[in-house]
Each structure stands twice: as structure tokens, then as C-alpha cells.
C-alpha atoms as a PDB file:
ATOM      1  CA  MET A   1       0.000   0.000   0.000  1.00  0.00           C
ATOM      2  CA  GLN A   2       1.324   3.424  -0.913  1.00  0.00           C
ATOM      3  CA  GLN A   3       1.933   5.929   1.860  1.00  0.00           C
ATOM      4  CA  ILE A   4       1.009   9.583   1.868  1.00  0.00           C
ATOM      5  CA  ALA A   5       2.344  12.164   4.325  1.00  0.00           C
ATOM      6  CA  LEU A   6      -0.018  14.816   5.675  1.00  0.00           C
ATOM      7  CA  GLY A   7       0.915  17.909   7.614  1.00  0.00           C
ATOM      8  CA  CYS A   8      -0.552  21.268   8.484  1.00  0.00           C
ATOM      9  CA  ASP A   9      -0.484  24.191  10.856  1.00  0.00           C
ATOM     10  CA  HIS A  10      -3.473  25.440  12.828  1.00  0.00           C
ATOM     11  CA  ALA A  11      -5.023  27.126   9.788  1.00  0.00           C
ATOM     12  CA  GLY A  12      -4.979  23.855   7.871  1.00  0.00           C
ATOM     13  CA  TYR A  13      -6.077  21.545  10.652  1.00  0.00           C
ATOM     14  CA  GLU A  14      -9.787  21.461   9.804  1.00  0.00           C
ATOM     15  CA  LEU A  15      -9.130  20.827   6.106  1.00  0.00           C
ATOM     16  CA  LYS A  16      -6.558  18.114   6.868  1.00  0.00           C
ATOM     17  CA  GLU A  17      -9.035  16.292   9.072  1.00  0.00           C
ATOM     18  CA  HIS A  18     -11.739  16.664   6.424  1.00  0.00           C
ATOM     19  CA  LEU A  19      -9.491  15.166   3.747  1.00  0.00           C
ATOM     20  CA  LYS A  20      -8.642  12.227   6.002  1.00  0.00           C
ATOM     21  CA  ALA A  21     -12.347  11.504   6.549  1.00  0.00           C
ATOM     22  CA  SER A  22     -13.499  12.216   2.976  1.00  0.00           C
ATOM     23  CA  GLY A  23     -12.558   8.892   1.402  1.00  0.00           C
ATOM     24  CA  LEU A  24     -10.222  10.569  -1.095  1.00  0.00           C
ATOM     25  CA  LEU A  25      -7.257   8.938   0.585  1.00  0.00           C
ATOM     26  CA  ASP A  26      -8.762   5.454   0.758  1.00  0.00           C
ATOM     27  CA  GLY A  27      -6.158   3.028  -0.516  1.00  0.00           C
ATOM     28  CA  TRP A  28      -3.332   5.099   0.960  1.00  0.00           C
ATOM     29  CA  LYS A  29      -1.632   4.508   4.285  1.00  0.00           C
ATOM     30  CA  ILE A  30      -1.770   7.938   5.909  1.00  0.00           C
ATOM     31  CA  GLU A  31       1.180   9.239   7.921  1.00  0.00           C
ATOM     32  CA  ASP A  32      -0.163  12.258   9.789  1.00  0.00           C
ATOM     33  CA  PHE A  33       2.572  14.609  11.012  1.00  0.00           C
ATOM     34  CA  GLY A  34       0.135  16.999  12.701  1.00  0.00           C
ATOM     35  CA  THR A  35      -0.811  19.443  13.932  1.00  0.00           C
ATOM     36  CA  ASN A  36      -3.619  17.877  15.882  1.00  0.00           C
ATOM     37  CA  SER A  37      -5.696  20.915  16.821  1.00  0.00           C
ATOM     38  CA  ALA A  38      -6.624  24.413  15.683  1.00  0.00           C
ATOM     39  CA  GLU A  39      -4.421  25.926  18.409  1.00  0.00           C
ATOM     40  CA  SER A  40      -1.793  28.322  16.999  1.00  0.00           C
ATOM     41  CA  THR A  41       1.396  26.624  15.785  1.00  0.00           C
ATOM     42  CA  ASP A  42       4.422  27.314  13.590  1.00  0.00           C
ATOM     43  CA  TYR A  43       4.076  25.747  10.125  1.00  0.00           C
ATOM     44  CA  PRO A  44       7.768  24.742   9.757  1.00  0.00           C
ATOM     45  CA  ASP A  45       7.425  22.431  12.765  1.00  0.00           C
ATOM     46  CA  PHE A  46       5.043  20.290  10.711  1.00  0.00           C
ATOM     47  CA  ALA A  47       6.157  21.013   7.149  1.00  0.00           C
ATOM     48  CA  HIS A  48       9.729  19.800   7.648  1.00  0.00           C
ATOM     49  CA  PRO A  49       8.921  16.336   9.069  1.00  0.00           C
ATOM     50  CA  THR A  50       6.193  15.860   6.447  1.00  0.00           C
ATOM     51  CA  ALA A  51       8.576  16.839   3.647  1.00  0.00           C
ATOM     52  CA  GLU A  52      11.347  14.655   5.069  1.00  0.00           C
ATOM     53  CA  ALA A  53       9.041  11.630   4.893  1.00  0.00           C
ATOM     54  CA  VAL A  54       8.647  12.264   1.156  1.00  0.00           C
ATOM     55  CA  ALA A  55      12.319  13.168   0.574  1.00  0.00           C
ATOM     56  CA  SER A  56      13.459   9.955   2.280  1.00  0.00           C
ATOM     57  CA  GLY A  57      11.058   7.773   0.315  1.00  0.00           C
ATOM     58  CA  GLU A  58       9.114   6.728   3.403  1.00  0.00           C
ATOM     59  CA  CYS A  59       6.042   8.240   1.715  1.00  0.00           C
ATOM     60  CA  GLU A  60       5.467   8.461  -2.027  1.00  0.00           C
ATOM     61  CA  LEU A  61       3.513  11.720  -1.887  1.00  0.00           C
ATOM     62  CA  GLY A  62       2.646  14.428   0.607  1.00  0.00           C
ATOM     63  CA  ILE A  63       0.021  17.064   1.264  1.00  0.00           C
ATOM     64  CA  LEU A  64       0.724  20.181   3.324  1.00  0.00           C
ATOM     65  CA  ILE A  65      -1.839  22.775   4.341  1.00  0.00           C
ATOM     66  CA  CYS A  66      -1.561  26.229   5.876  1.00  0.00           C
ATOM     67  CA  GLY A  67      -3.526  29.459   5.555  1.00  0.00           C
ATOM     68  CA  SER A  68      -1.915  30.677   2.333  1.00  0.00           C
ATOM     69  CA  GLY A  69      -0.054  27.523   1.316  1.00  0.00           C
ATOM     70  CA  ASN A  70       3.068  29.629   0.840  1.00  0.00           C
ATOM     71  CA  GLY A  71       4.782  28.937   4.157  1.00  0.00           C
ATOM     72  CA  VAL A  72       4.532  25.157   3.936  1.00  0.00           C
ATOM     73  CA  ALA A  73       5.597  25.225   0.274  1.00  0.00           C
ATOM     74  CA  MET A  74       8.696  27.269   1.089  1.00  0.00           C
ATOM     75  CA  ALA A  75       9.643  24.973   3.967  1.00  0.00           C
ATOM     76  CA  ALA A  76       9.031  21.781   1.987  1.00  0.00           C
ATOM     77  CA  ASN A  77      11.041  22.944  -0.999  1.00  0.00           C
ATOM     78  CA  LYS A  78      14.124  23.280   1.225  1.00  0.00           C
ATOM     79  CA  HIS A  79      14.361  19.460   1.006  1.00  0.00           C
ATOM     80  CA  ALA A  80      16.383  18.417  -2.047  1.00  0.00           C
ATOM     81  CA  GLU A  81      14.148  15.540  -3.150  1.00  0.00           C
ATOM     82  CA  VAL A  82      10.889  17.449  -2.679  1.00  0.00           C
ATOM     83  CA  ARG A  83       9.010  19.248  -5.409  1.00  0.00           C
ATOM     84  CA  ALA A  84       6.152  20.957  -3.567  1.00  0.00           C
ATOM     85  CA  ALA A  85       3.513  22.760  -5.603  1.00  0.00           C
ATOM     86  CA  LEU A  86       1.119  25.379  -4.259  1.00  0.00           C
ATOM     87  CA  CYS A  87      -2.206  24.732  -6.000  1.00  0.00           C
ATOM     88  CA  TRP A  88      -5.554  26.479  -5.722  1.00  0.00           C
ATOM     89  CA  ASN A  89      -7.383  24.645  -8.516  1.00  0.00           C
ATOM     90  CA  ASP A  90      -7.417  21.141  -9.965  1.00  0.00           C
ATOM     91  CA  GLU A  91      -5.779  22.091 -13.258  1.00  0.00           C
ATOM     92  CA  LEU A  92      -2.698  23.390 -11.447  1.00  0.00           C
ATOM     93  CA  ALA A  93      -2.518  20.199  -9.377  1.00  0.00           C
ATOM     94  CA  GLU A  94      -2.758  18.010 -12.457  1.00  0.00           C
ATOM     95  CA  LEU A  95      -0.075  19.979 -14.299  1.00  0.00           C
ATOM     96  CA  ALA A  96       2.195  20.026 -11.241  1.00  0.00           C
ATOM     97  CA  ARG A  97       2.257  16.223 -11.339  1.00  0.00           C
ATOM     98  CA  LYS A  98       2.286  15.787 -15.135  1.00  0.00           C
ATOM     99  CA  HIS A  99       4.864  18.457 -16.003  1.00  0.00           C
ATOM    100  CA  ASN A 100       6.844  19.089 -12.805  1.00  0.00           C
ATOM    101  CA  ASN A 101       6.721  15.647 -11.178  1.00  0.00           C
ATOM    102  CA  ALA A 102       5.517  17.314  -7.978  1.00  0.00           C
ATOM    103  CA  ASN A 103       5.538  14.931  -5.043  1.00  0.00           C
ATOM    104  CA  MET A 104       3.955  17.301  -2.533  1.00  0.00           C
ATOM    105  CA  LEU A 105       0.771  19.311  -2.812  1.00  0.00           C
ATOM    106  CA  CYS A 106       0.393  22.530  -0.799  1.00  0.00           C
ATOM    107  CA  LEU A 107      -3.076  23.892  -0.179  1.00  0.00           C
ATOM    108  CA  PRO A 108      -4.143  27.412   0.906  1.00  0.00           C
ATOM    109  CA  SER A 109      -6.936  26.597   3.347  1.00  0.00           C
ATOM    110  CA  ARG A 110      -8.052  30.210   3.793  1.00  0.00           C
ATOM    111  CA  PHE A 111      -8.519  30.750   0.060  1.00  0.00           C
ATOM    112  CA  ILE A 112     -10.262  27.614  -1.228  1.00  0.00           C
ATOM    113  CA  ALA A 113     -13.559  25.925  -0.434  1.00  0.00           C
ATOM    114  CA  THR A 114     -13.554  22.387   0.922  1.00  0.00           C
ATOM    115  CA  GLU A 115     -15.088  21.068  -2.308  1.00  0.00           C
ATOM    116  CA  THR A 116     -12.344  22.768  -4.311  1.00  0.00           C
ATOM    117  CA  ALA A 117      -9.704  21.186  -2.063  1.00  0.00           C
ATOM    118  CA  GLU A 118     -11.241  17.773  -2.714  1.00  0.00           C
ATOM    119  CA  ARG A 119     -11.045  18.284  -6.485  1.00  0.00           C
ATOM    120  CA  ILE A 120      -7.440  19.486  -6.195  1.00  0.00           C
ATOM    121  CA  VAL A 121      -6.392  16.461  -4.146  1.00  0.00           C
ATOM    122  CA  GLN A 122      -8.162  14.083  -6.512  1.00  0.00           C
ATOM    123  CA  ALA A 123      -6.472  15.635  -9.555  1.00  0.00           C
ATOM    124  CA  PHE A 124      -3.076  15.512  -7.831  1.00  0.00           C
ATOM    125  CA  LEU A 125      -3.434  11.856  -6.869  1.00  0.00           C
ATOM    126  CA  GLU A 126      -4.742  10.728 -10.262  1.00  0.00           C
ATOM    127  CA  ALA A 127      -2.191  12.497 -12.462  1.00  0.00           C
ATOM    128  CA  GLU A 128       1.108  10.890 -13.436  1.00  0.00           C
ATOM    129  CA  PHE A 129       4.389  12.410 -14.545  1.00  0.00           C
ATOM    130  CA  GLU A 130       4.616  12.514 -18.342  1.00  0.00           C
ATOM    131  CA  GLY A 131       8.418  12.426 -18.524  1.00  0.00           C
ATOM    132  CA  GLY A 132       9.819  13.255 -21.961  1.00  0.00           C
ATOM    133  CA  ARG A 133      10.734  16.918 -22.342  1.00  0.00           C
ATOM    134  CA  HIS A 134       9.483  17.520 -18.798  1.00  0.00           C
ATOM    135  CA  LEU A 135      12.057  15.114 -17.339  1.00  0.00           C
ATOM    136  CA  ARG A 136      14.911  17.202 -18.741  1.00  0.00           C
ATOM    137  CA  ARG A 137      13.448  20.303 -17.105  1.00  0.00           C
ATOM    138  CA  VAL A 138      12.825  18.645 -13.746  1.00  0.00           C
ATOM    139  CA  GLN A 139      16.399  17.327 -13.722  1.00  0.00           C
ATOM    140  CA  LYS A 140      17.624  20.921 -13.994  1.00  0.00           C
ATOM    141  CA  ILE A 141      15.946  21.789 -10.697  1.00  0.00           C
END
């Protein structure tokens, strides 16, 4: 069974819990790196361990959530084997996987509806890297 890493700060907690309960991640073993409440936290404390699980190969993919999505994306992309993409619609999520071989999805919980987040996650999980000309570009990262 494939593993997926989940992490968030306080602003992403509610959405993270919703995604876990939604059925979208059925078939995945979920590694939840927290946070575990809506109490104020610092996003790097959760983004780094979540990203490390993907960078190390422990988890195939990861999802990070914070208010804007920017903070967790910046922290995750500090890890050499991580390609974290901030996505606010399903087309971006699909292209991030197909063209950029993104292995982490970052969601801006304060700027997207729950239904939109579900579509984004579904698109991210269903898309596959196309390789070809995109591989050459990803290797230059």
C-alpha cells in the first residue's frame, strides 16, 4: 500500500481532518505529522517532518496545508528531493504532477472551499508524470 504524508499548521487543521475523513485517501496509508488541533502553531514544525518523509522515500507523496499555502511550500522545498507545488485549482494540481513531477501538494486553506480542495487532491493523486521533455526540465531543478 502506498503511503502519503499529511501535515498542516493550525489554519490547515480542519481541512486536513476533512481530507482524512473524505474517502479521497482510501487506498493510501496515511502518515499524519500533525498538527492535531486548531491551536496556533508554527508551520515549519510540521512542514519539515512531512517533507522529510517524502524526501526519504518513506512516503510516495505528501500534502501540506496552511492558511496561504506559501509557508509550507517554502519549507518543503528546502528538502532536495521534494518538489512541492502550491495549487488552488485542480488544473494546477494536475499539471504540477504531469509536467513538474511534484511529489507534494500545498493547499491554501483560507482561500479555497472544501469542495475545491477535494477536487485538487483528486487531480493531484490521479495524475502521473509525463516524462519526456518535462524530465529534462525537472532534472535541472
